[in-house]
Amino acid sequence: MKVFNKKGFAALAAVALLAAACGGATETTGKTLTIGISLPLSGSSLAAAGPARDGALLAIKETTIEGYTIATKILDHAVDGSHNPAQAATDATTLAGDENVVAVVGPFNSSSAKAQIPVTSEAGLAQCSPSNTAPDLTKGEGGASLRGGRAVNYVRVAATDDFQGPAVAVYAKSRGKSSVYIVDSTDTYGKGIADTFEAEFKAGGGTVLGRDGAPAGTTDFSAIVTKALALNPDSFFYGGVTADGAGLFRKAIEQAGGGDIEIYGGDGIQDGTSDGSYIAIAGAAAAKSFSSVAAIENIPDKAGFAAKYKAEYGEDPGSYSASGYACAQVILDAIKRAAAAGEVTREAVRAALVDTSVTYSTVVGSISFDEVGDTSQKVISLYEVVDGNWKFVEQIDYANK
């Protein structure tokens, strides 16, 4: 999947140029309210995060709020093609410092969220992530520490890794896998999802033959692969995102003679087929790869959403296109409710967004947020690379378990 064609590129370039000044507007009258979009949007990260941005922009384009101009301010926190927490924090500071910004869509990666939440929390700036999955961004002592005693300002429409990692492990076991070698990128997301995968794989009777950390930017996996193959695993698990080195890891396995061994991963490697994606980098070696996405595949009007998305961008939706659209929807709904109650302020939007009594009607279905900002929708979707593309296999609804 390409992120967008020439038509889409031209339209988004225009939005980005406007955003650099005062934002791309969906209406040209009334007070300007800006929705920030903070994602890693260059290099290999674009293949995964670009569709989330495009989904958010489509929802904003389709929505008007009487008496207000809705603008966007798009910031890219990728550095050298990979998400960068330090730049993500800087971008959060930039958005918080713009008095017109009332809410933010993003970030995409959990390590970036750990850098951003303290900044947006202190500013009272509402934030919705389409894809963050680390549990401790919201839950327990980790979430409380990021909030620093302040009111909840951050919500997410993605299920968390305490569902996603185990779902992949159960799926691997269902395919007869009994021994695995694990590699993770050592960051918040990569290590976190690998930890939950490992725990469930062991609980199901599987054996973890070994585990290595390969920090983001690792390009030579030969030593890890040689050591792993000597132990004769029947599967691999990679915890991390494509930009961390997932595709190169898969190629290294194939080049060392392990191409027939199945490899499993989370949503970090499920990023279509465009330049910089896992499949594009791994090439033919991507066969026998399996992944999850912490979101619902079978959305209520899947065909209708795909049709309007393709009409706008000339491409099919990506894994998190609908989630990006849903994040924009809940933010826009919060703005509408704040407007109906009186003046739209950051605090009014934040309070409206995190109201646990509200059920949102979104492209991904009806959702609400709990007291720490986690979604009521706990669906994990599973995929397999077939004929050079990701093919949907099944989805598991943990809310009903």
Protein backbone atom coordinates (compact mmCIF):
# COMPACT_ATOMS: atom_id res chain seq x y z
CA MET A 1 0.00 0.00 0.00
CA LYS A 2 1.34 3.40 -0.96
CA VAL A 3 0.58 6.09 1.58
CA PHE A 4 -0.88 8.43 -1.03
CA ASN A 5 -0.67 9.06 -4.75
CA LYS A 6 0.25 12.29 -6.53
CA LYS A 7 -3.22 13.71 -5.98
CA GLY A 8 -3.05 12.95 -2.27
CA PHE A 9 0.52 14.22 -2.00
CA ALA A 10 -0.40 17.53 -3.55
CA ALA A 11 -3.38 17.98 -1.27
CA LEU A 12 -1.44 17.09 1.86
CA ALA A 13 1.50 19.24 0.84
CA ALA A 14 -0.89 22.16 0.63
CA VAL A 15 -2.24 21.35 4.09
CA ALA A 16 1.27 21.13 5.48
CA LEU A 17 2.19 24.51 4.04
CA LEU A 18 -0.91 26.05 5.58
CA ALA A 19 -0.16 24.32 8.85
CA ALA A 20 3.25 25.93 9.02
CA ALA A 21 1.51 29.29 9.18
CA CYS A 22 -2.01 29.08 10.58
CA GLY A 23 -3.28 25.60 9.75
CA GLY A 24 -5.31 24.05 6.96
CA ALA A 25 -8.92 25.08 7.53
CA THR A 26 -12.16 23.16 6.97
CA GLU A 27 -14.26 26.33 7.37
CA THR A 28 -13.35 29.97 6.78
CA THR A 29 -15.50 31.81 9.32
CA GLY A 30 -15.43 32.34 13.06
CA LYS A 31 -12.76 31.69 15.66
CA THR A 32 -9.92 29.42 14.57
CA LEU A 33 -9.42 26.21 16.52
CA THR A 34 -6.38 24.14 15.61
CA ILE A 35 -6.03 20.38 15.89
CA GLY A 36 -2.40 19.32 16.02
CA ILE A 37 -1.25 16.14 14.30
CA SER A 38 1.98 14.79 15.78
CA LEU A 39 3.32 11.66 14.07
CA PRO A 40 6.58 10.32 12.57
CA LEU A 41 6.02 11.20 8.92
CA SER A 42 9.28 10.65 7.07
CA GLY A 43 11.56 7.78 6.14
CA SER A 44 10.48 4.26 6.99
CA SER A 45 8.07 5.54 9.66
CA LEU A 46 5.86 7.15 7.01
CA ALA A 47 4.58 3.79 5.76
CA ALA A 48 2.98 3.10 9.15
CA ALA A 49 2.03 6.55 10.42
CA GLY A 50 1.07 8.25 7.14
CA PRO A 51 -2.27 6.43 6.88
CA ALA A 52 -3.20 7.50 10.43
CA ARG A 53 -2.52 11.11 9.49
CA ASP A 54 -4.55 10.74 6.29
CA GLY A 55 -7.48 9.25 8.19
CA ALA A 56 -7.44 12.14 10.68
CA LEU A 57 -7.27 14.73 7.91
CA LEU A 58 -10.21 13.12 6.12
CA ALA A 59 -12.38 13.27 9.24
CA ILE A 60 -11.46 16.90 9.82
CA LYS A 61 -12.15 17.79 6.20
CA GLU A 62 -15.63 16.25 6.43
CA THR A 63 -16.58 18.09 9.61
CA THR A 64 -17.74 21.66 10.19
CA ILE A 65 -18.54 23.27 13.52
CA GLU A 66 -20.78 26.30 13.30
CA GLY A 67 -19.01 29.50 14.24
CA TYR A 68 -15.52 28.01 14.11
CA THR A 69 -12.76 27.43 11.60
CA ILE A 70 -11.07 24.05 12.19
CA ALA A 71 -7.40 24.15 11.21
CA THR A 72 -4.60 21.61 11.40
CA LYS A 73 -0.96 21.88 12.41
CA ILE A 74 1.08 18.86 11.31
CA LEU A 75 4.44 18.09 12.92
CA ASP A 76 6.83 15.26 11.99
CA HIS A 77 8.94 13.84 14.82
CA ALA A 78 10.83 11.24 12.79
CA VAL A 79 14.61 11.66 12.79
CA ASP A 80 16.66 9.71 10.25
CA GLY A 81 13.51 7.86 9.26
CA SER A 82 12.57 6.61 12.73
CA HIS A 83 10.32 7.95 15.47
CA ASN A 84 12.32 10.05 17.92
CA PRO A 85 11.04 10.62 21.48
CA ALA A 86 13.14 13.74 22.04
CA GLN A 87 11.76 15.35 18.88
CA ALA A 88 8.27 14.18 19.87
CA ALA A 89 8.65 16.05 23.17
CA THR A 90 9.79 19.15 21.29
CA ASP A 91 6.78 18.91 19.00
CA ALA A 92 4.47 18.59 22.01
CA THR A 93 6.02 21.74 23.45
CA THR A 94 5.47 23.51 20.12
CA LEU A 95 1.81 22.51 20.02
CA ALA A 96 1.27 23.37 23.68
CA GLY A 97 2.78 26.80 23.02
CA ASP A 98 0.30 27.59 20.24
CA GLU A 99 -2.76 29.06 21.96
CA ASN A 100 -4.99 28.07 19.02
CA VAL A 101 -4.25 24.35 19.45
CA VAL A 102 -7.04 22.75 21.47
CA ALA A 103 -6.25 19.05 20.89
CA VAL A 104 -3.74 16.71 19.28
CA VAL A 105 -3.99 13.53 17.21
CA GLY A 106 -0.95 11.39 18.03
CA PRO A 107 1.62 10.24 18.69
CA PHE A 108 2.05 6.92 16.89
CA ASN A 109 4.73 5.20 18.97
CA SER A 110 4.60 4.46 22.69
CA SER A 111 8.10 5.78 23.44
CA SER A 112 7.05 9.08 21.86
CA ALA A 113 3.91 9.09 24.00
CA LYS A 114 6.04 8.71 27.14
CA ALA A 115 7.88 11.84 26.07
CA GLN A 116 4.76 13.79 25.13
CA ILE A 117 2.20 13.02 27.82
CA PRO A 118 3.93 14.97 30.63
CA VAL A 119 4.12 18.01 28.31
CA THR A 120 0.52 17.90 27.08
CA SER A 121 -0.73 17.00 30.56
CA GLU A 122 0.91 20.04 32.11
CA ALA A 123 -0.58 22.20 29.35
CA GLY A 124 -4.05 20.66 29.80
CA LEU A 125 -3.99 19.78 26.10
CA ALA A 126 -6.29 16.96 24.98
CA GLN A 127 -4.58 14.18 23.06
CA CYS A 128 -5.81 11.06 21.25
CA SER A 129 -3.45 8.38 19.94
CA PRO A 130 -4.56 6.08 17.13
CA SER A 131 -1.94 3.45 17.87
CA ASN A 132 -0.10 3.66 21.23
CA THR A 133 -0.21 0.26 22.91
CA ALA A 134 2.14 0.30 25.93
CA PRO A 135 -0.08 -0.34 29.00
CA ASP A 136 1.87 1.92 31.37
CA LEU A 137 1.09 5.05 29.37
CA THR A 138 -2.24 5.05 31.22
CA LYS A 139 -2.40 2.21 33.72
CA GLY A 140 -0.91 1.82 37.19
CA GLU A 141 2.02 3.70 38.59
CA GLY A 142 3.47 4.32 35.14
CA GLY A 143 0.42 6.17 33.90
CA ALA A 144 0.01 8.06 37.15
CA SER A 145 3.64 9.18 37.01
CA LEU A 146 3.27 10.53 33.47
CA ARG A 147 0.20 12.52 34.55
CA GLY A 148 2.01 13.84 37.60
CA GLY A 149 -1.17 14.13 39.65
CA ARG A 150 -2.94 16.12 36.94
CA ALA A 151 -6.29 15.37 35.32
CA VAL A 152 -6.37 12.84 32.48
CA ASN A 153 -5.82 14.51 29.09
CA TYR A 154 -4.69 11.53 26.97
CA VAL A 155 -6.91 8.85 25.41
CA ARG A 156 -6.25 6.15 22.83
CA VAL A 157 -8.42 4.14 20.46
CA ALA A 158 -5.95 1.23 20.25
CA ALA A 159 -6.04 -1.83 22.49
CA THR A 160 -2.99 -2.29 24.71
CA ASP A 161 -0.10 -4.75 24.58
CA ASP A 162 -1.41 -6.73 27.53
CA PHE A 163 -3.93 -7.93 24.94
CA GLN A 164 -1.84 -7.67 21.76
CA GLY A 165 1.27 -9.61 22.82
CA PRO A 166 -0.71 -12.54 24.23
CA ALA A 167 -2.96 -12.61 21.15
CA VAL A 168 0.07 -13.13 18.92
CA ALA A 169 1.44 -15.81 21.25
CA VAL A 170 -1.88 -17.70 21.26
CA TYR A 171 -2.01 -17.45 17.48
CA ALA A 172 1.55 -18.80 17.13
CA LYS A 173 0.68 -21.70 19.43
CA SER A 174 -2.45 -22.40 17.38
CA ARG A 175 -0.18 -22.83 14.37
CA GLY A 176 1.80 -25.48 16.22
CA LYS A 177 4.73 -23.34 17.33
CA SER A 178 6.47 -24.63 20.45
CA SER A 179 9.88 -22.94 20.49
CA VAL A 180 10.68 -19.31 19.76
CA TYR A 181 13.64 -16.96 19.68
CA ILE A 182 12.76 -13.36 20.58
CA VAL A 183 14.41 -10.14 19.48
CA ASP A 184 13.20 -6.73 20.61
CA SER A 185 14.17 -3.13 19.89
CA THR A 186 14.69 -2.34 23.63
CA ASP A 187 12.35 0.68 23.61
CA THR A 188 8.96 1.12 25.30
CA TYR A 189 6.92 -0.57 22.60
CA GLY A 190 9.37 -3.20 21.38
CA LYS A 191 10.39 -4.53 24.78
CA GLY A 192 6.87 -4.20 26.15
CA ILE A 193 5.12 -6.26 23.51
CA ALA A 194 7.94 -8.82 23.55
CA ASP A 195 7.52 -9.19 27.32
CA THR A 196 3.78 -9.87 27.06
CA PHE A 197 4.29 -12.25 24.12
CA GLU A 198 6.96 -14.16 26.04
CA ALA A 199 4.85 -14.51 29.16
CA GLU A 200 1.85 -15.89 27.28
CA PHE A 201 3.96 -18.16 25.06
CA LYS A 202 5.52 -19.74 28.16
CA ALA A 203 2.16 -19.96 29.93
CA GLY A 204 0.84 -21.92 26.95
CA GLY A 205 3.61 -24.47 27.28
CA GLY A 206 6.01 -22.98 24.73
CA THR A 207 9.77 -22.66 25.14
CA VAL A 208 11.68 -19.41 24.71
CA LEU A 209 15.10 -20.54 23.51
CA GLY A 210 16.70 -17.14 23.83
CA ARG A 211 16.19 -13.41 23.62
CA ASP A 212 18.26 -10.47 22.44
CA GLY A 213 17.88 -6.72 22.40
CA ALA A 214 18.75 -4.93 19.15
CA PRO A 215 18.29 -1.16 19.60
CA ALA A 216 16.60 0.94 16.94
CA GLY A 217 18.97 1.56 14.06
CA THR A 218 20.54 -1.90 14.16
CA THR A 219 21.38 -2.94 10.61
CA ASP A 220 23.50 -6.07 11.11
CA PHE A 221 21.57 -8.94 12.69
CA SER A 222 23.93 -11.69 11.50
CA ALA A 223 25.42 -12.53 14.90
CA ILE A 224 22.00 -12.72 16.57
CA VAL A 225 20.60 -14.86 13.76
CA THR A 226 23.57 -17.25 13.77
CA LYS A 227 23.21 -17.78 17.53
CA ALA A 228 19.44 -18.22 17.26
CA LEU A 229 19.48 -20.71 14.37
CA ALA A 230 21.98 -22.88 16.24
CA LEU A 231 19.21 -23.47 18.81
CA ASN A 232 16.79 -24.70 16.11
CA PRO A 233 13.70 -22.57 16.90
CA ASP A 234 10.49 -23.26 15.03
CA SER A 235 9.60 -19.54 15.14
CA PHE A 236 10.88 -16.03 15.79
CA PHE A 237 9.21 -13.06 17.42
CA TYR A 238 10.28 -9.49 16.74
CA GLY A 239 9.21 -6.76 19.14
CA GLY A 240 9.57 -3.37 17.50
CA VAL A 241 8.65 -1.40 14.41
CA THR A 242 9.87 -1.61 10.85
CA ALA A 243 11.99 1.51 11.25
CA ASP A 244 13.83 -0.21 14.12
CA GLY A 245 15.10 -2.95 11.78
CA ALA A 246 12.33 -5.57 11.54
CA GLY A 247 12.62 -6.06 7.78
CA LEU A 248 16.41 -6.32 7.94
CA PHE A 249 16.09 -8.90 10.71
CA ARG A 250 13.79 -11.00 8.54
CA LYS A 251 16.20 -10.74 5.59
CA ALA A 252 19.08 -11.82 7.79
CA ILE A 253 17.15 -14.93 8.86
CA GLU A 254 16.45 -15.81 5.23
CA GLN A 255 20.05 -15.17 4.14
CA ALA A 256 21.29 -17.48 6.91
CA GLY A 257 19.09 -20.31 5.67
CA GLY A 258 16.12 -19.83 7.99
CA GLY A 259 13.63 -18.48 5.48
CA ASP A 260 11.17 -21.31 6.14
CA ILE A 261 10.94 -20.43 9.83
CA GLU A 262 7.86 -18.38 10.69
CA ILE A 263 8.30 -14.93 12.24
CA TYR A 264 5.70 -13.16 14.35
CA GLY A 265 5.39 -9.53 15.34
CA GLY A 266 2.99 -6.89 16.55
CA ASP A 267 1.48 -3.93 14.76
CA GLY A 268 4.92 -2.35 14.43
CA ILE A 269 5.59 -4.42 11.31
CA GLN A 270 2.10 -4.23 9.77
CA ASP A 271 2.62 -1.17 7.56
CA GLY A 272 1.47 -2.07 4.07
CA THR A 273 3.77 -2.51 1.09
CA SER A 274 4.96 1.00 0.24
CA ASP A 275 8.59 2.10 0.22
CA GLY A 276 10.08 1.70 3.68
CA SER A 277 7.52 -0.88 4.81
CA TYR A 278 8.40 -4.24 6.34
CA ILE A 279 7.40 -6.11 3.18
CA ALA A 280 9.28 -3.71 0.90
CA ILE A 281 12.45 -4.05 2.97
CA ALA A 282 12.25 -7.81 3.55
CA GLY A 283 11.25 -8.53 -0.04
CA ALA A 284 10.62 -12.19 -0.81
CA ALA A 285 11.83 -13.04 2.70
CA ALA A 286 8.62 -11.50 4.10
CA ALA A 287 6.82 -14.77 3.36
CA LYS A 288 5.88 -16.72 6.48
CA SER A 289 5.51 -13.46 8.45
CA PHE A 290 2.58 -12.90 10.81
CA SER A 291 1.50 -9.77 12.64
CA SER A 292 -1.21 -8.19 14.71
CA VAL A 293 -2.87 -4.79 14.73
CA ALA A 294 -4.28 -3.36 17.96
CA ALA A 295 -7.47 -2.30 16.21
CA ILE A 296 -10.59 -3.69 14.62
CA GLU A 297 -10.32 -4.83 10.99
CA ASN A 298 -14.02 -5.41 10.39
CA ILE A 299 -15.22 -1.88 11.10
CA PRO A 300 -18.99 -1.27 10.80
CA ASP A 301 -18.91 0.19 7.27
CA LYS A 302 -15.61 -1.12 5.99
CA ALA A 303 -16.48 -0.82 2.30
CA GLY A 304 -17.90 2.68 2.67
CA PHE A 305 -14.86 3.97 4.55
CA ALA A 306 -12.48 2.35 2.05
CA ALA A 307 -14.36 3.94 -0.86
CA LYS A 308 -14.23 7.49 0.47
CA TYR A 309 -10.63 7.09 1.62
CA LYS A 310 -9.62 5.86 -1.83
CA ALA A 311 -11.56 8.68 -3.49
CA GLU A 312 -9.55 11.17 -1.42
CA TYR A 313 -6.08 9.60 -1.65
CA GLY A 314 -6.20 7.14 -4.54
CA GLU A 315 -5.12 4.32 -2.23
CA ASP A 316 -6.74 1.78 0.06
CA PRO A 317 -6.74 2.52 3.80
CA GLY A 318 -3.76 1.40 5.85
CA SER A 319 -3.76 -0.45 9.16
CA TYR A 320 -4.38 2.67 11.24
CA SER A 321 -6.28 4.87 8.75
CA ALA A 322 -9.61 4.21 10.48
CA SER A 323 -8.01 4.70 13.89
CA GLY A 324 -6.64 8.09 12.85
CA TYR A 325 -10.10 8.99 11.55
CA ALA A 326 -11.65 7.84 14.85
CA CYS A 327 -9.23 9.93 16.92
CA ALA A 328 -10.17 13.02 14.93
CA GLN A 329 -13.85 12.11 15.34
CA VAL A 330 -13.71 11.95 19.14
CA ILE A 331 -11.76 15.21 19.29
CA LEU A 332 -14.25 16.94 17.00
CA ASP A 333 -17.13 15.57 19.07
CA ALA A 334 -15.50 16.96 22.23
CA ILE A 335 -15.10 20.36 20.55
CA LYS A 336 -18.77 20.34 19.52
CA ARG A 337 -19.90 19.54 23.05
CA ALA A 338 -17.62 22.23 24.47
CA ALA A 339 -19.04 24.72 21.95
CA ALA A 340 -22.61 23.79 22.88
CA ALA A 341 -21.83 24.36 26.57
CA GLY A 342 -20.16 27.74 26.05
CA GLU A 343 -16.74 29.02 25.02
CA VAL A 344 -14.35 26.47 23.51
CA THR A 345 -11.20 26.39 25.61
CA ARG A 346 -8.47 23.80 26.02
CA GLU A 347 -9.87 22.82 29.37
CA ALA A 348 -13.40 22.51 28.02
CA VAL A 349 -12.19 20.24 25.20
CA ARG A 350 -10.03 18.15 27.55
CA ALA A 351 -12.87 17.66 30.02
CA ALA A 352 -15.30 16.76 27.24
CA LEU A 353 -12.90 14.29 25.63
CA VAL A 354 -12.20 12.27 28.78
CA ASP A 355 -15.79 12.24 30.08
CA THR A 356 -16.32 8.57 30.97
CA SER A 357 -20.10 8.88 30.59
CA VAL A 358 -19.83 9.62 26.86
CA THR A 359 -20.13 6.92 24.20
CA TYR A 360 -18.66 7.99 20.88
CA SER A 361 -20.05 6.85 17.54
CA THR A 362 -16.97 6.43 15.35
CA VAL A 363 -15.83 4.78 12.16
CA VAL A 364 -14.47 1.88 14.24
CA GLY A 365 -17.74 1.49 16.14
CA SER A 366 -19.08 2.71 19.47
CA ILE A 367 -16.34 3.42 22.00
CA SER A 368 -15.95 5.04 25.38
CA PHE A 369 -12.91 5.78 27.50
CA ASP A 370 -12.31 4.61 31.06
CA GLU A 371 -10.99 6.66 33.96
CA VAL A 372 -7.39 6.57 32.65
CA GLY A 373 -8.23 7.09 28.96
CA ASP A 374 -8.21 3.53 27.63
CA THR A 375 -10.77 2.50 25.03
CA SER A 376 -13.63 0.12 25.71
CA GLN A 377 -12.86 -1.55 22.37
CA LYS A 378 -10.29 -4.29 22.98
CA VAL A 379 -9.94 -5.93 19.57
CA ILE A 380 -6.75 -7.46 18.17
CA SER A 381 -6.61 -8.32 14.46
CA LEU A 382 -4.21 -10.91 13.03
CA TYR A 383 -2.57 -11.02 9.59
CA GLU A 384 -0.29 -13.14 7.41
CA VAL A 385 1.88 -12.17 4.44
CA VAL A 386 0.37 -13.87 1.39
CA ASP A 387 1.61 -13.19 -2.15
CA GLY A 388 3.56 -10.14 -1.04
CA ASN A 389 0.79 -8.43 0.93
CA TRP A 390 -0.79 -8.57 4.37
CA LYS A 391 -3.91 -10.74 4.42
CA PHE A 392 -6.41 -10.48 7.28
CA VAL A 393 -6.85 -13.78 9.16
CA GLU A 394 -9.10 -13.13 12.16
CA GLN A 395 -9.86 -10.69 14.96
CA ILE A 396 -10.22 -11.40 18.65
CA ASP A 397 -12.47 -9.31 20.90
CA TYR A 398 -11.03 -9.39 24.41
CA ALA A 399 -13.84 -7.22 25.76
CA ASN A 400 -16.06 -10.30 25.50
CA LYS A 401 -13.62 -12.72 27.15
